[in-house]
Protein backbone atom coordinates (compact mmCIF):
# COMPACT_ATOMS: atom_id res chain seq x y z
CA MET A 1 0.00 0.00 0.00
CA THR A 2 2.87 2.38 0.73
CA GLY A 3 4.06 2.04 -2.86
CA GLU A 4 0.65 3.09 -4.16
CA TYR A 5 0.60 6.18 -1.98
CA THR A 6 4.14 7.09 -3.02
CA LEU A 7 3.20 6.74 -6.67
CA PHE A 8 0.00 8.70 -6.09
CA TYR A 9 1.97 11.48 -4.40
CA TYR A 10 4.40 11.53 -7.32
CA ILE A 11 1.55 11.75 -9.81
CA THR A 12 -0.21 14.59 -7.99
CA GLN A 13 3.02 16.57 -7.49
CA ARG A 14 4.78 16.00 -10.79
CA LEU A 15 1.91 15.89 -13.23
CA HIS A 16 0.01 18.78 -11.61
CA PHE A 17 -2.77 16.34 -10.92
CA PHE A 18 -4.54 15.56 -14.15
CA PRO A 19 -6.86 12.71 -13.18
CA SER A 20 -7.05 11.53 -16.76
CA LYS A 21 -3.31 10.77 -16.64
CA ILE A 22 -3.53 8.51 -13.57
CA PRO A 23 -3.13 4.86 -14.61
CA GLN A 24 -6.32 2.82 -14.38
CA GLU A 25 -4.69 0.19 -12.13
CA LEU A 26 -4.24 2.91 -9.50
CA LEU A 27 -7.80 4.18 -9.92
CA ASP A 28 -9.01 0.60 -9.38
CA SER A 29 -7.75 0.84 -5.80
CA PRO A 30 -10.61 2.11 -3.57
CA GLU A 31 -8.16 4.10 -1.43
CA ILE A 32 -6.57 5.83 -4.42
CA ASN A 33 -9.95 6.47 -6.00
CA LYS A 34 -11.20 8.05 -2.76
CA ALA A 35 -8.06 10.20 -2.52
CA VAL A 36 -8.51 11.36 -6.14
CA LEU A 37 -12.08 12.34 -5.37
CA GLN A 38 -11.01 14.27 -2.28
CA ILE A 39 -8.32 16.13 -4.22
CA GLU A 40 -10.79 16.96 -6.98
CA GLU A 41 -13.27 18.26 -4.39
CA SER A 42 -10.63 20.36 -2.68
CA ALA A 43 -10.00 22.15 -5.98
CA TYR A 44 -13.63 23.30 -6.24
CA SER A 45 -14.66 26.87 -5.56
CA ASP A 46 -17.15 27.55 -2.78
CA ALA A 47 -19.96 27.84 -5.36
CA GLN A 48 -18.95 24.53 -6.96
CA LEU A 49 -18.79 22.83 -3.57
CA TRP A 50 -22.22 24.17 -2.70
CA GLY A 51 -23.58 22.87 -6.01
CA TYR A 52 -21.86 19.53 -5.44
CA ASP A 53 -23.39 19.23 -1.96
CA GLU A 54 -26.81 20.26 -3.27
CA PHE A 55 -26.58 17.59 -5.96
CA TRP A 56 -25.78 14.82 -3.48
CA ASP A 57 -28.44 16.10 -1.09
CA ALA A 58 -30.97 15.82 -3.93
CA VAL A 59 -29.73 12.30 -4.72
CA ARG A 60 -30.12 11.27 -1.07
CA VAL A 61 -33.62 12.78 -0.89
CA GLU A 62 -34.60 10.99 -4.10
CA LYS A 63 -33.22 7.68 -2.79
CA THR A 64 -35.16 8.18 0.44
CA LEU A 65 -38.38 8.91 -1.46
CA VAL A 66 -37.92 5.87 -3.67
CA SER A 67 -37.06 3.70 -0.67
CA ASP A 68 -40.13 4.93 1.22
CA ALA A 69 -42.35 4.33 -1.82
CA GLU A 70 -40.95 0.82 -2.23
CA ARG A 71 -41.50 0.09 1.45
CA LYS A 72 -45.08 1.39 1.32
CA GLY A 73 -45.71 -0.61 -1.85
CA MET A 74 -44.35 -3.74 -0.22
CA GLU A 75 -46.51 -3.19 2.87
CA LYS A 76 -49.59 -2.65 0.71
CA GLY A 77 -48.79 -5.73 -1.37
CA MET A 78 -48.23 -7.82 1.73
CA ALA A 79 -51.55 -6.67 3.22
CA LYS A 80 -53.37 -7.54 -0.01
CA GLY A 81 -51.62 -10.89 -0.17
CA ILE A 82 -52.55 -11.72 3.41
CA GLU A 83 -56.14 -10.66 2.78
CA LYS A 84 -56.38 -12.83 -0.35
CA GLY A 85 -54.71 -15.70 1.48
CA ILE A 86 -57.24 -15.49 4.30
CA GLU A 87 -60.12 -15.38 1.82
CA LYS A 88 -58.71 -18.38 -0.05
CA GLY A 89 -58.18 -20.27 3.22
CA ILE A 90 -61.74 -19.60 4.32
CA ALA A 91 -63.11 -20.74 0.95
CA GLN A 92 -60.95 -23.89 1.07
CA GLY A 93 -62.12 -24.62 4.61
CA GLN A 94 -65.76 -24.22 3.59
CA SER A 95 -65.23 -26.50 0.60
CA ASN A 96 -63.58 -29.12 2.81
CA GLU A 97 -66.45 -28.90 5.30
CA ARG A 98 -69.07 -29.35 2.51
CA LYS A 99 -67.19 -32.41 1.25
CA GLU A 100 -66.95 -33.88 4.75
CA THR A 101 -70.66 -33.29 5.32
CA ALA A 102 -71.44 -34.90 1.96
CA ARG A 103 -69.25 -37.89 2.81
CA ARG A 104 -71.11 -38.43 6.11
CA MET A 105 -74.49 -38.04 4.39
CA LYS A 106 -73.44 -40.51 1.69
CA ASN A 107 -72.29 -42.99 4.35
CA ASP A 108 -75.72 -42.67 5.99
CA GLY A 109 -77.35 -43.67 2.68
CA ILE A 110 -78.82 -40.31 1.70
CA PRO A 111 -79.36 -40.07 -2.09
CA PRO A 112 -76.74 -38.02 -4.04
CA GLU A 113 -79.42 -35.62 -5.32
CA THR A 114 -80.38 -34.67 -1.77
CA ILE A 115 -76.73 -34.32 -0.74
CA ALA A 116 -76.11 -32.07 -3.76
CA LYS A 117 -79.10 -29.91 -2.79
CA TYR A 118 -77.76 -29.22 0.72
CA THR A 119 -74.00 -29.09 0.05
CA GLN A 120 -73.93 -27.35 -3.36
CA LEU A 121 -71.60 -30.12 -4.59
CA SER A 122 -72.14 -31.71 -7.98
CA ILE A 123 -73.34 -35.28 -8.28
CA GLU A 124 -69.94 -36.17 -9.79
CA GLU A 125 -68.10 -34.74 -6.78
CA ILE A 126 -70.36 -36.65 -4.41
CA GLU A 127 -69.85 -39.93 -6.26
CA LYS A 128 -66.04 -39.49 -5.98
CA LEU A 129 -66.24 -39.28 -2.20
């Protein structure tokens, strides 16, 4: 790491810091890349720094808004999913209860037509029980 910093120092001192002249293998280092960014920022005027800060503030606000919208969308979707799941579970439970009632009626010898009348099951469904 010391060699990278020495080379970076050499580049910034000798080449009057032209970021485009810094070799890509140095810019690939997160530490060097961060240092380049800090040097670039330190060369900004007060107005440029203010604009730079305003830009990143806007980016953070936008990310927060998007994140909040995603979270609210997820919550709404989860609530709808739970509601539909409950409805489906209730319907399945009612269907199972009708089939169980029909099975007991069939075992007691009640005609399929009568079972169908009271359980709303088809004759075919009753015969499969």
